[in-house]
Amino acid sequence: MRFTSAARETAADGGDDALMTRIAGRDAVAFGRVVDAHAALLHRVAYRMLGDAAEAEDVAQEALLRLWASAERWRPGQAGIAAWLTRVAVNQCLDRLRRRRFASDEEPPERADDAGGADALVEEEQWRRVALAALGDLSERHRAAIVLTYYEELPNSMAADALDMNLKAFESLLLRARSAMRAALAARGLTSLTGEVAS
């Protein structure tokens, strides 16, 4: 998992439990630290799951607002603020994806190709677009497993917690998700998957 400098400062200030005590007391500075430390992670997870920057922003803001609203109910010793926020964001994304499925059969629009003219950059951008499109072909839970594990580099235990699963069930889900991702990439013309899933 990629920790920001704000996240490292949070850990140095007595950890998540101390920070949540301050937030429960309506300390805006403490809440600002949480926003600085975790907003980018929430936005990345939501964008990769939903493919829409505005929706991803809404998900990140809603997750943070829920943390503020429920701070008084925080139980010391929980998995941590990052895990709690990630779980809320993933659940919101899953809900939005389910609503989309019932509302429309249209595919989400692909991102515009904003890469420069160099062959390597063009090839890299094409790979990213194919990988994101293949990610969109997966079921919601398979997509969440891939995003949390390969894009956000969360340990399996934290990804399992974000999906409200036990570790063994998550590892089984991830195995099926990787197989589905390989099939989705192959269906889009990529017959070999070298290295990790593209970012």
N, C-alpha and C. Protein backbone atom coordinates (compact mmCIF):
# COMPACT_ATOMS: atom_id res chain seq x y z
N MET A 1 0.85 -1.19 0.00
CA MET A 1 0.00 0.00 0.00
C MET A 1 0.89 1.24 0.00
N ARG A 2 0.52 2.22 -0.79
CA ARG A 2 1.32 3.44 -0.87
C ARG A 2 0.88 4.42 0.21
N PHE A 3 1.77 4.74 1.14
CA PHE A 3 1.43 5.66 2.21
C PHE A 3 1.91 7.06 1.85
N THR A 4 1.05 8.04 2.00
CA THR A 4 1.42 9.43 1.78
C THR A 4 2.16 9.95 2.99
N SER A 5 2.81 11.12 2.84
CA SER A 5 3.49 11.70 4.00
C SER A 5 2.48 12.04 5.09
N ALA A 6 1.25 12.43 4.68
CA ALA A 6 0.20 12.72 5.67
C ALA A 6 -0.16 11.46 6.46
N ALA A 7 -0.18 10.31 5.78
CA ALA A 7 -0.50 9.05 6.46
C ALA A 7 0.61 8.70 7.46
N ARG A 8 1.87 8.95 7.07
CA ARG A 8 2.98 8.67 8.00
C ARG A 8 2.91 9.60 9.21
N GLU A 9 2.53 10.87 8.99
CA GLU A 9 2.39 11.81 10.11
C GLU A 9 1.29 11.35 11.06
N THR A 10 0.19 10.84 10.47
CA THR A 10 -0.92 10.34 11.28
C THR A 10 -0.45 9.23 12.20
N ALA A 11 0.34 8.30 11.64
CA ALA A 11 0.85 7.20 12.45
C ALA A 11 1.75 7.72 13.56
N ALA A 12 2.52 8.76 13.26
CA ALA A 12 3.44 9.31 14.26
C ALA A 12 2.70 10.06 15.36
N ASP A 13 1.48 10.50 15.10
CA ASP A 13 0.71 11.28 16.08
C ASP A 13 -0.12 10.43 17.03
N GLY A 14 0.19 9.18 17.19
CA GLY A 14 -0.52 8.34 18.14
C GLY A 14 -1.46 7.36 17.48
N GLY A 15 -1.48 7.33 16.18
CA GLY A 15 -2.25 6.33 15.47
C GLY A 15 -3.69 6.73 15.22
N ASP A 16 -4.38 5.80 14.57
CA ASP A 16 -5.76 6.04 14.14
C ASP A 16 -6.73 6.23 15.30
N ASP A 17 -6.56 5.48 16.37
CA ASP A 17 -7.50 5.60 17.50
C ASP A 17 -7.45 6.99 18.11
N ALA A 18 -6.24 7.53 18.29
CA ALA A 18 -6.10 8.88 18.85
C ALA A 18 -6.69 9.91 17.89
N LEU A 19 -6.45 9.71 16.61
CA LEU A 19 -6.99 10.64 15.61
C LEU A 19 -8.51 10.60 15.60
N MET A 20 -9.09 9.41 15.70
CA MET A 20 -10.55 9.29 15.69
C MET A 20 -11.17 9.88 16.95
N THR A 21 -10.46 9.82 18.08
CA THR A 21 -10.94 10.47 19.30
C THR A 21 -11.05 11.97 19.08
N ARG A 22 -10.04 12.53 18.42
CA ARG A 22 -10.07 13.97 18.12
C ARG A 22 -11.20 14.31 17.15
N ILE A 23 -11.39 13.46 16.15
CA ILE A 23 -12.46 13.72 15.16
C ILE A 23 -13.83 13.62 15.83
N ALA A 24 -13.99 12.65 16.73
CA ALA A 24 -15.25 12.53 17.46
C ALA A 24 -15.54 13.79 18.26
N GLY A 25 -14.48 14.50 18.68
CA GLY A 25 -14.63 15.77 19.38
C GLY A 25 -14.78 16.95 18.42
N ARG A 26 -14.95 16.63 17.14
CA ARG A 26 -15.16 17.61 16.06
C ARG A 26 -13.94 18.50 15.83
N ASP A 27 -12.77 17.87 15.87
CA ASP A 27 -11.51 18.55 15.58
C ASP A 27 -11.31 18.57 14.06
N ALA A 28 -11.51 19.72 13.45
CA ALA A 28 -11.42 19.86 11.99
C ALA A 28 -9.99 19.65 11.49
N VAL A 29 -9.00 20.00 12.30
CA VAL A 29 -7.61 19.80 11.89
C VAL A 29 -7.31 18.30 11.77
N ALA A 30 -7.78 17.52 12.74
CA ALA A 30 -7.58 16.07 12.69
C ALA A 30 -8.28 15.47 11.48
N PHE A 31 -9.49 15.94 11.20
CA PHE A 31 -10.21 15.44 10.03
C PHE A 31 -9.48 15.83 8.75
N GLY A 32 -8.93 17.03 8.72
CA GLY A 32 -8.14 17.46 7.56
C GLY A 32 -6.96 16.55 7.31
N ARG A 33 -6.35 16.07 8.39
CA ARG A 33 -5.24 15.11 8.24
C ARG A 33 -5.71 13.82 7.59
N VAL A 34 -6.89 13.35 8.00
CA VAL A 34 -7.43 12.13 7.40
C VAL A 34 -7.71 12.35 5.91
N VAL A 35 -8.30 13.49 5.59
CA VAL A 35 -8.58 13.81 4.19
C VAL A 35 -7.28 13.83 3.39
N ASP A 36 -6.26 14.52 3.90
CA ASP A 36 -4.97 14.60 3.21
C ASP A 36 -4.34 13.23 3.02
N ALA A 37 -4.47 12.38 4.03
CA ALA A 37 -3.83 11.07 4.00
C ALA A 37 -4.54 10.06 3.12
N HIS A 38 -5.87 10.17 2.97
CA HIS A 38 -6.62 9.07 2.35
C HIS A 38 -7.47 9.43 1.14
N ALA A 39 -7.69 10.70 0.85
CA ALA A 39 -8.58 11.07 -0.25
C ALA A 39 -8.09 10.55 -1.59
N ALA A 40 -6.79 10.63 -1.83
CA ALA A 40 -6.25 10.18 -3.12
C ALA A 40 -6.45 8.68 -3.31
N LEU A 41 -6.23 7.89 -2.26
CA LEU A 41 -6.45 6.45 -2.32
C LEU A 41 -7.91 6.15 -2.67
N LEU A 42 -8.83 6.80 -1.98
CA LEU A 42 -10.25 6.56 -2.23
C LEU A 42 -10.64 6.93 -3.65
N HIS A 43 -10.11 8.03 -4.14
CA HIS A 43 -10.41 8.46 -5.51
C HIS A 43 -9.87 7.45 -6.52
N ARG A 44 -8.63 6.97 -6.31
CA ARG A 44 -8.05 5.99 -7.24
C ARG A 44 -8.88 4.70 -7.28
N VAL A 45 -9.23 4.19 -6.11
CA VAL A 45 -10.03 2.96 -6.05
C VAL A 45 -11.35 3.15 -6.78
N ALA A 46 -12.03 4.25 -6.48
CA ALA A 46 -13.33 4.49 -7.10
C ALA A 46 -13.22 4.72 -8.60
N TYR A 47 -12.19 5.45 -9.03
CA TYR A 47 -12.04 5.70 -10.46
C TYR A 47 -11.79 4.40 -11.22
N ARG A 48 -10.94 3.55 -10.66
CA ARG A 48 -10.63 2.30 -11.36
C ARG A 48 -11.82 1.35 -11.37
N MET A 49 -12.67 1.45 -10.37
CA MET A 49 -13.85 0.59 -10.36
C MET A 49 -14.98 1.15 -11.21
N LEU A 50 -15.11 2.48 -11.26
CA LEU A 50 -16.25 3.10 -11.93
C LEU A 50 -15.91 3.69 -13.29
N GLY A 51 -14.66 4.05 -13.51
CA GLY A 51 -14.26 4.62 -14.79
C GLY A 51 -14.76 6.04 -15.02
N ASP A 52 -15.14 6.74 -13.96
CA ASP A 52 -15.69 8.08 -14.08
C ASP A 52 -15.11 8.96 -12.98
N ALA A 53 -14.39 10.02 -13.37
CA ALA A 53 -13.69 10.85 -12.37
C ALA A 53 -14.66 11.58 -11.44
N ALA A 54 -15.77 12.08 -11.99
CA ALA A 54 -16.73 12.81 -11.15
C ALA A 54 -17.39 11.87 -10.14
N GLU A 55 -17.75 10.68 -10.59
CA GLU A 55 -18.34 9.70 -9.66
C GLU A 55 -17.33 9.28 -8.61
N ALA A 56 -16.06 9.13 -9.02
CA ALA A 56 -15.01 8.75 -8.07
C ALA A 56 -14.85 9.83 -7.00
N GLU A 57 -14.93 11.09 -7.40
CA GLU A 57 -14.86 12.19 -6.44
C GLU A 57 -16.02 12.13 -5.45
N ASP A 58 -17.22 11.84 -5.96
CA ASP A 58 -18.40 11.71 -5.09
C ASP A 58 -18.21 10.59 -4.07
N VAL A 59 -17.69 9.45 -4.54
CA VAL A 59 -17.48 8.30 -3.65
C VAL A 59 -16.47 8.65 -2.56
N ALA A 60 -15.36 9.29 -2.94
CA ALA A 60 -14.33 9.65 -1.96
C ALA A 60 -14.90 10.61 -0.92
N GLN A 61 -15.63 11.62 -1.37
CA GLN A 61 -16.21 12.58 -0.44
C GLN A 61 -17.24 11.93 0.49
N GLU A 62 -18.06 11.06 -0.07
CA GLU A 62 -19.08 10.40 0.75
C GLU A 62 -18.44 9.51 1.81
N ALA A 63 -17.39 8.79 1.44
CA ALA A 63 -16.70 7.92 2.42
C ALA A 63 -16.12 8.77 3.56
N LEU A 64 -15.50 9.88 3.21
CA LEU A 64 -14.92 10.76 4.24
C LEU A 64 -16.00 11.39 5.11
N LEU A 65 -17.10 11.79 4.52
CA LEU A 65 -18.20 12.36 5.30
C LEU A 65 -18.80 11.33 6.25
N ARG A 66 -18.88 10.08 5.80
CA ARG A 66 -19.39 9.03 6.69
C ARG A 66 -18.47 8.81 7.88
N LEU A 67 -17.16 8.92 7.63
CA LEU A 67 -16.21 8.78 8.74
C LEU A 67 -16.44 9.90 9.76
N TRP A 68 -16.60 11.13 9.28
CA TRP A 68 -16.85 12.28 10.15
C TRP A 68 -18.14 12.07 10.95
N ALA A 69 -19.19 11.62 10.26
CA ALA A 69 -20.50 11.47 10.90
C ALA A 69 -20.52 10.33 11.92
N SER A 70 -19.70 9.31 11.70
CA SER A 70 -19.76 8.14 12.60
C SER A 70 -18.56 8.06 13.53
N ALA A 71 -17.80 9.14 13.65
CA ALA A 71 -16.57 9.11 14.47
C ALA A 71 -16.83 8.72 15.92
N GLU A 72 -17.96 9.12 16.47
CA GLU A 72 -18.25 8.81 17.87
C GLU A 72 -18.44 7.31 18.10
N ARG A 73 -18.75 6.57 17.04
CA ARG A 73 -18.96 5.12 17.18
C ARG A 73 -17.69 4.31 16.91
N TRP A 74 -16.56 4.98 16.69
CA TRP A 74 -15.30 4.29 16.40
C TRP A 74 -14.90 3.44 17.59
N ARG A 75 -14.53 2.19 17.31
CA ARG A 75 -14.08 1.27 18.35
C ARG A 75 -12.56 1.15 18.29
N PRO A 76 -11.84 1.48 19.36
CA PRO A 76 -10.38 1.34 19.36
C PRO A 76 -9.98 -0.09 19.02
N GLY A 77 -8.87 -0.20 18.29
CA GLY A 77 -8.37 -1.51 17.92
C GLY A 77 -8.92 -2.05 16.61
N GLN A 78 -9.74 -1.27 15.92
CA GLN A 78 -10.26 -1.69 14.60
C GLN A 78 -9.10 -1.78 13.62
N ALA A 79 -9.40 -2.24 12.42
CA ALA A 79 -8.36 -2.43 11.40
C ALA A 79 -7.65 -1.13 11.05
N GLY A 80 -8.29 0.01 11.21
CA GLY A 80 -7.65 1.29 10.92
C GLY A 80 -8.51 2.14 10.00
N ILE A 81 -8.16 3.41 9.94
CA ILE A 81 -8.94 4.35 9.14
C ILE A 81 -8.89 4.00 7.66
N ALA A 82 -7.71 3.66 7.14
CA ALA A 82 -7.59 3.33 5.71
C ALA A 82 -8.48 2.16 5.35
N ALA A 83 -8.46 1.11 6.16
CA ALA A 83 -9.29 -0.07 5.88
C ALA A 83 -10.78 0.28 5.95
N TRP A 84 -11.16 1.07 6.96
CA TRP A 84 -12.57 1.45 7.11
C TRP A 84 -13.04 2.26 5.91
N LEU A 85 -12.25 3.27 5.53
CA LEU A 85 -12.62 4.12 4.40
C LEU A 85 -12.65 3.33 3.09
N THR A 86 -11.69 2.43 2.90
CA THR A 86 -11.65 1.63 1.68
C THR A 86 -12.88 0.74 1.59
N ARG A 87 -13.28 0.15 2.72
CA ARG A 87 -14.47 -0.70 2.71
C ARG A 87 -15.70 0.11 2.32
N VAL A 88 -15.86 1.30 2.89
CA VAL A 88 -17.01 2.15 2.58
C VAL A 88 -16.99 2.53 1.10
N ALA A 89 -15.81 2.91 0.58
CA ALA A 89 -15.71 3.32 -0.83
C ALA A 89 -16.01 2.15 -1.76
N VAL A 90 -15.47 0.98 -1.48
CA VAL A 90 -15.72 -0.19 -2.33
C VAL A 90 -17.20 -0.55 -2.32
N ASN A 91 -17.83 -0.53 -1.15
CA ASN A 91 -19.26 -0.83 -1.08
C ASN A 91 -20.08 0.17 -1.88
N GLN A 92 -19.72 1.45 -1.81
CA GLN A 92 -20.42 2.45 -2.62
C GLN A 92 -20.25 2.17 -4.11
N CYS A 93 -19.02 1.82 -4.52
CA CYS A 93 -18.77 1.50 -5.93
C CYS A 93 -19.59 0.29 -6.37
N LEU A 94 -19.63 -0.75 -5.54
CA LEU A 94 -20.41 -1.93 -5.89
C LEU A 94 -21.88 -1.57 -6.04
N ASP A 95 -22.41 -0.73 -5.14
CA ASP A 95 -23.80 -0.30 -5.25
C ASP A 95 -24.04 0.47 -6.54
N ARG A 96 -23.13 1.38 -6.88
CA ARG A 96 -23.28 2.18 -8.10
C ARG A 96 -23.20 1.29 -9.34
N LEU A 97 -22.31 0.31 -9.33
CA LEU A 97 -22.19 -0.59 -10.48
C LEU A 97 -23.45 -1.43 -10.64
N ARG A 98 -24.03 -1.88 -9.53
CA ARG A 98 -25.28 -2.65 -9.62
C ARG A 98 -26.41 -1.79 -10.17
N ARG A 99 -26.50 -0.54 -9.70
CA ARG A 99 -27.54 0.37 -10.21
C ARG A 99 -27.35 0.64 -11.70
N ARG A 100 -26.09 0.80 -12.12
CA ARG A 100 -25.79 1.03 -13.54
C ARG A 100 -26.26 -0.13 -14.40
N ARG A 101 -26.02 -1.34 -13.90
CA ARG A 101 -26.37 -2.53 -14.67
C ARG A 101 -27.86 -2.56 -14.95
N PHE A 102 -28.66 -2.13 -13.97
CA PHE A 102 -30.10 -2.13 -14.16
C PHE A 102 -30.56 -0.92 -14.95
N ALA A 103 -29.80 0.16 -14.89
CA ALA A 103 -30.22 1.40 -15.56
C ALA A 103 -29.84 1.44 -17.03
N SER A 104 -28.73 0.79 -17.43
CA SER A 104 -28.28 0.92 -18.81
C SER A 104 -27.40 -0.26 -19.19
N ASP A 105 -27.47 -0.62 -20.47
CA ASP A 105 -26.61 -1.67 -21.01
C ASP A 105 -25.42 -1.07 -21.75
N GLU A 106 -25.33 0.28 -21.79
CA GLU A 106 -24.25 0.93 -22.51
C GLU A 106 -22.93 0.74 -21.80
N GLU A 107 -21.86 0.62 -22.60
CA GLU A 107 -20.52 0.54 -22.03
C GLU A 107 -20.07 1.94 -21.63
N PRO A 108 -19.28 2.06 -20.56
CA PRO A 108 -18.78 3.38 -20.20
C PRO A 108 -17.85 3.89 -21.30
N PRO A 109 -17.80 5.20 -21.50
CA PRO A 109 -16.92 5.74 -22.54
C PRO A 109 -15.46 5.51 -22.20
N GLU A 110 -14.66 5.27 -23.24
CA GLU A 110 -13.23 5.10 -23.02
C GLU A 110 -12.59 6.45 -22.83
N ARG A 111 -11.47 6.47 -22.11
CA ARG A 111 -10.75 7.72 -21.92
C ARG A 111 -10.12 8.17 -23.23
N ALA A 112 -10.03 9.47 -23.40
CA ALA A 112 -9.37 10.01 -24.58
C ALA A 112 -7.88 9.68 -24.54
N ASP A 113 -7.31 9.45 -25.71
CA ASP A 113 -5.89 9.15 -25.81
C ASP A 113 -5.11 10.45 -25.72
N ASP A 114 -4.53 10.72 -24.54
CA ASP A 114 -3.80 11.97 -24.36
C ASP A 114 -2.29 11.76 -24.33
N ALA A 115 -1.84 10.59 -24.80
CA ALA A 115 -0.41 10.30 -24.80
C ALA A 115 0.30 11.10 -25.90
N GLY A 116 1.61 11.29 -25.70
CA GLY A 116 2.41 12.00 -26.69
C GLY A 116 2.63 11.16 -27.93
N GLY A 117 3.46 11.64 -28.84
CA GLY A 117 3.64 10.99 -30.13
C GLY A 117 4.63 9.85 -30.14
N ALA A 118 5.45 9.69 -29.13
CA ALA A 118 6.45 8.63 -29.13
C ALA A 118 5.78 7.26 -29.13
N ASP A 119 6.36 6.34 -29.90
CA ASP A 119 5.79 4.99 -30.03
C ASP A 119 5.61 4.30 -28.68
N ALA A 120 6.60 4.43 -27.81
CA ALA A 120 6.52 3.76 -26.51
C ALA A 120 5.35 4.31 -25.68
N LEU A 121 5.17 5.63 -25.71
CA LEU A 121 4.07 6.23 -24.95
C LEU A 121 2.73 5.82 -25.52
N VAL A 122 2.64 5.78 -26.84
CA VAL A 122 1.39 5.38 -27.49
C VAL A 122 1.06 3.93 -27.13
N GLU A 123 2.08 3.07 -27.19
CA GLU A 123 1.87 1.66 -26.86
C GLU A 123 1.45 1.48 -25.40
N GLU A 124 2.10 2.23 -24.51
CA GLU A 124 1.76 2.15 -23.10
C GLU A 124 0.32 2.61 -22.85
N GLU A 125 -0.07 3.70 -23.51
CA GLU A 125 -1.44 4.19 -23.36
C GLU A 125 -2.46 3.19 -23.91
N GLN A 126 -2.13 2.56 -25.03
CA GLN A 126 -3.03 1.55 -25.59
C GLN A 126 -3.18 0.38 -24.64
N TRP A 127 -2.06 -0.04 -24.01
CA TRP A 127 -2.12 -1.12 -23.02
C TRP A 127 -3.02 -0.74 -21.86
N ARG A 128 -2.84 0.51 -21.36
CA ARG A 128 -3.68 0.98 -20.24
C ARG A 128 -5.15 0.95 -20.61
N ARG A 129 -5.47 1.43 -21.80
CA ARG A 129 -6.88 1.50 -22.23
C ARG A 129 -7.47 0.09 -22.35
N VAL A 130 -6.68 -0.84 -22.91
CA VAL A 130 -7.17 -2.22 -23.03
C VAL A 130 -7.35 -2.83 -21.65
N ALA A 131 -6.39 -2.58 -20.74
CA ALA A 131 -6.49 -3.14 -19.39
C ALA A 131 -7.70 -2.58 -18.65
N LEU A 132 -7.93 -1.26 -18.77
CA LEU A 132 -9.10 -0.66 -18.11
C LEU A 132 -10.40 -1.17 -18.70
N ALA A 133 -10.42 -1.34 -20.03
CA ALA A 133 -11.63 -1.88 -20.67
C ALA A 133 -11.86 -3.32 -20.22
N ALA A 134 -10.79 -4.12 -20.14
CA ALA A 134 -10.93 -5.50 -19.69
C ALA A 134 -11.39 -5.54 -18.24
N LEU A 135 -10.88 -4.63 -17.42
CA LEU A 135 -11.30 -4.53 -16.03
C LEU A 135 -12.81 -4.26 -15.96
N GLY A 136 -13.30 -3.44 -16.87
CA GLY A 136 -14.73 -3.14 -16.92
C GLY A 136 -15.58 -4.33 -17.31
N ASP A 137 -14.96 -5.35 -17.93
CA ASP A 137 -15.69 -6.56 -18.33
C ASP A 137 -15.93 -7.51 -17.15
N LEU A 138 -15.19 -7.31 -16.08
CA LEU A 138 -15.28 -8.23 -14.93
C LEU A 138 -16.53 -7.95 -14.09
N SER A 139 -16.92 -8.93 -13.31
CA SER A 139 -18.00 -8.72 -12.34
C SER A 139 -17.53 -7.71 -11.30
N GLU A 140 -18.46 -7.13 -10.58
CA GLU A 140 -18.11 -6.08 -9.62
C GLU A 140 -17.10 -6.55 -8.58
N ARG A 141 -17.31 -7.74 -8.03
CA ARG A 141 -16.42 -8.21 -6.97
C ARG A 141 -15.05 -8.62 -7.52
N HIS A 142 -15.02 -9.19 -8.73
CA HIS A 142 -13.73 -9.50 -9.35
C HIS A 142 -12.96 -8.21 -9.62
N ARG A 143 -13.67 -7.20 -10.10
CA ARG A 143 -13.05 -5.90 -10.36
C ARG A 143 -12.47 -5.32 -9.07
N ALA A 144 -13.24 -5.38 -8.00
CA ALA A 144 -12.77 -4.85 -6.71
C ALA A 144 -11.52 -5.59 -6.25
N ALA A 145 -11.49 -6.90 -6.38
CA ALA A 145 -10.32 -7.69 -5.95
C ALA A 145 -9.08 -7.29 -6.73
N ILE A 146 -9.21 -7.12 -8.05
CA ILE A 146 -8.06 -6.74 -8.89
C ILE A 146 -7.60 -5.33 -8.54
N VAL A 147 -8.53 -4.39 -8.41
CA VAL A 147 -8.17 -3.00 -8.11
C VAL A 147 -7.44 -2.91 -6.77
N LEU A 148 -7.98 -3.53 -5.73
CA LEU A 148 -7.37 -3.43 -4.41
C LEU A 148 -6.01 -4.11 -4.35
N THR A 149 -5.86 -5.25 -5.04
CA THR A 149 -4.62 -6.02 -4.96
C THR A 149 -3.54 -5.48 -5.89
N TYR A 150 -3.88 -5.23 -7.15
CA TYR A 150 -2.84 -4.88 -8.13
C TYR A 150 -2.68 -3.38 -8.34
N TYR A 151 -3.75 -2.64 -8.28
CA TYR A 151 -3.63 -1.20 -8.48
C TYR A 151 -3.24 -0.50 -7.18
N GLU A 152 -3.89 -0.86 -6.09
CA GLU A 152 -3.61 -0.21 -4.81
C GLU A 152 -2.60 -0.94 -3.96
N GLU A 153 -2.22 -2.14 -4.38
CA GLU A 153 -1.18 -2.93 -3.71
C GLU A 153 -1.47 -3.17 -2.23
N LEU A 154 -2.75 -3.37 -1.90
CA LEU A 154 -3.11 -3.68 -0.51
C LEU A 154 -2.73 -5.13 -0.21
N PRO A 155 -2.29 -5.41 1.01
CA PRO A 155 -2.10 -6.80 1.40
C PRO A 155 -3.45 -7.53 1.33
N ASN A 156 -3.41 -8.83 1.09
CA ASN A 156 -4.64 -9.60 0.98
C ASN A 156 -5.54 -9.44 2.20
N SER A 157 -4.93 -9.36 3.39
CA SER A 157 -5.75 -9.24 4.60
C SER A 157 -6.54 -7.93 4.61
N MET A 158 -5.92 -6.84 4.15
CA MET A 158 -6.60 -5.55 4.13
C MET A 158 -7.66 -5.50 3.02
N ALA A 159 -7.33 -6.08 1.86
CA ALA A 159 -8.31 -6.14 0.77
C ALA A 159 -9.51 -6.99 1.19
N ALA A 160 -9.25 -8.09 1.88
CA ALA A 160 -10.34 -8.94 2.37
C ALA A 160 -11.23 -8.15 3.33
N ASP A 161 -10.61 -7.39 4.21
CA ASP A 161 -11.37 -6.58 5.16
C ASP A 161 -12.21 -5.53 4.42
N ALA A 162 -11.64 -4.92 3.38
CA ALA A 162 -12.37 -3.91 2.61
C ALA A 162 -13.60 -4.51 1.94
N LEU A 163 -13.53 -5.79 1.58
CA LEU A 163 -14.66 -6.47 0.94
C LEU A 163 -15.51 -7.24 1.95
N ASP A 164 -15.18 -7.10 3.24
CA ASP A 164 -15.92 -7.76 4.31
C ASP A 164 -15.93 -9.28 4.11
N MET A 165 -14.73 -9.83 3.85
CA MET A 165 -14.58 -11.27 3.62
C MET A 165 -13.48 -11.79 4.55
N ASN A 166 -13.49 -13.11 4.80
CA ASN A 166 -12.34 -13.67 5.49
C ASN A 166 -11.23 -13.88 4.47
N LEU A 167 -10.00 -14.06 4.96
CA LEU A 167 -8.83 -14.10 4.08
C LEU A 167 -8.90 -15.23 3.07
N LYS A 168 -9.31 -16.40 3.50
CA LYS A 168 -9.36 -17.56 2.59
C LYS A 168 -10.37 -17.33 1.46
N ALA A 169 -11.53 -16.78 1.79
CA ALA A 169 -12.54 -16.49 0.77
C ALA A 169 -12.04 -15.43 -0.20
N PHE A 170 -11.31 -14.43 0.32
CA PHE A 170 -10.77 -13.39 -0.57
C PHE A 170 -9.74 -13.98 -1.52
N GLU A 171 -8.85 -14.82 -1.00
CA GLU A 171 -7.82 -15.41 -1.86
C GLU A 171 -8.44 -16.25 -2.97
N SER A 172 -9.53 -16.94 -2.65
CA SER A 172 -10.26 -17.70 -3.67
C SER A 172 -10.88 -16.76 -4.71
N LEU A 173 -11.46 -15.65 -4.23
CA LEU A 173 -12.03 -14.65 -5.13
C LEU A 173 -10.95 -14.06 -6.04
N LEU A 174 -9.79 -13.76 -5.47
CA LEU A 174 -8.70 -13.17 -6.25
C LEU A 174 -8.20 -14.13 -7.32
N LEU A 175 -8.14 -15.41 -7.00
CA LEU A 175 -7.73 -16.41 -7.99
C LEU A 175 -8.71 -16.42 -9.17
N ARG A 176 -10.01 -16.39 -8.87
CA ARG A 176 -11.01 -16.35 -9.95
C ARG A 176 -10.96 -15.03 -10.71
N ALA A 177 -10.69 -13.94 -9.99
CA ALA A 177 -10.61 -12.63 -10.63
C ALA A 177 -9.43 -12.56 -11.60
N ARG A 178 -8.30 -13.12 -11.21
CA ARG A 178 -7.13 -13.12 -12.11
C ARG A 178 -7.41 -13.93 -13.36
N SER A 179 -8.08 -15.06 -13.18
CA SER A 179 -8.43 -15.88 -14.33
C SER A 179 -9.40 -15.13 -15.26
N ALA A 180 -10.38 -14.45 -14.67
CA ALA A 180 -11.33 -13.67 -15.46
C ALA A 180 -10.63 -12.51 -16.17
N MET A 181 -9.65 -11.88 -15.51
CA MET A 181 -8.91 -10.78 -16.12
C MET A 181 -8.08 -11.27 -17.30
N ARG A 182 -7.43 -12.44 -17.14
CA ARG A 182 -6.67 -13.00 -18.27
C ARG A 182 -7.58 -13.26 -19.45
N ALA A 183 -8.76 -13.82 -19.18
CA ALA A 183 -9.71 -14.11 -20.26
C ALA A 183 -10.20 -12.82 -20.91
N ALA A 184 -10.45 -11.79 -20.11
CA ALA A 184 -10.92 -10.51 -20.65
C ALA A 184 -9.84 -9.86 -21.51
N LEU A 185 -8.58 -9.94 -21.07
CA LEU A 185 -7.47 -9.39 -21.86
C LEU A 185 -7.31 -10.16 -23.17
N ALA A 186 -7.41 -11.49 -23.09
CA ALA A 186 -7.30 -12.31 -24.30
C ALA A 186 -8.42 -11.99 -25.29
N ALA A 187 -9.62 -11.76 -24.77
CA ALA A 187 -10.75 -11.43 -25.64
C ALA A 187 -10.54 -10.09 -26.34
N ARG A 188 -9.69 -9.26 -25.77
CA ARG A 188 -9.40 -7.95 -26.37
C ARG A 188 -8.09 -7.96 -27.16
N GLY A 189 -7.56 -9.14 -27.40
CA GLY A 189 -6.39 -9.26 -28.26
C GLY A 189 -5.05 -9.34 -27.57
N LEU A 190 -5.03 -9.33 -26.25
CA LEU A 190 -3.76 -9.50 -25.54
C LEU A 190 -3.68 -10.95 -25.09
N THR A 191 -2.84 -11.72 -25.76
CA THR A 191 -2.80 -13.16 -25.48
C THR A 191 -1.84 -13.53 -24.37
N SER A 192 -0.93 -12.62 -24.00
CA SER A 192 -0.04 -12.91 -22.88
C SER A 192 -0.03 -11.73 -21.92
N LEU A 193 -0.03 -12.05 -20.66
CA LEU A 193 -0.03 -11.04 -19.61
C LEU A 193 1.32 -11.11 -18.92
N THR A 194 2.18 -10.11 -19.18
CA THR A 194 3.50 -10.11 -18.56
C THR A 194 3.49 -9.13 -17.40
N GLY A 195 4.01 -9.56 -16.29
CA GLY A 195 4.07 -8.69 -15.13
C GLY A 195 2.70 -8.49 -14.52
N GLU A 196 2.56 -7.39 -13.79
CA GLU A 196 1.31 -7.10 -13.09
C GLU A 196 0.33 -6.41 -14.01
N VAL A 197 -0.89 -6.30 -13.55
CA VAL A 197 -1.93 -5.59 -14.29
C VAL A 197 -1.49 -4.15 -14.45
N ALA A 198 -1.73 -3.57 -15.66
CA ALA A 198 -1.29 -2.19 -15.92
C ALA A 198 -2.05 -1.20 -15.06
N SER A 199 -1.37 -0.09 -14.73
CA SER A 199 -2.01 0.95 -13.95
C SER A 199 -2.67 1.97 -14.85
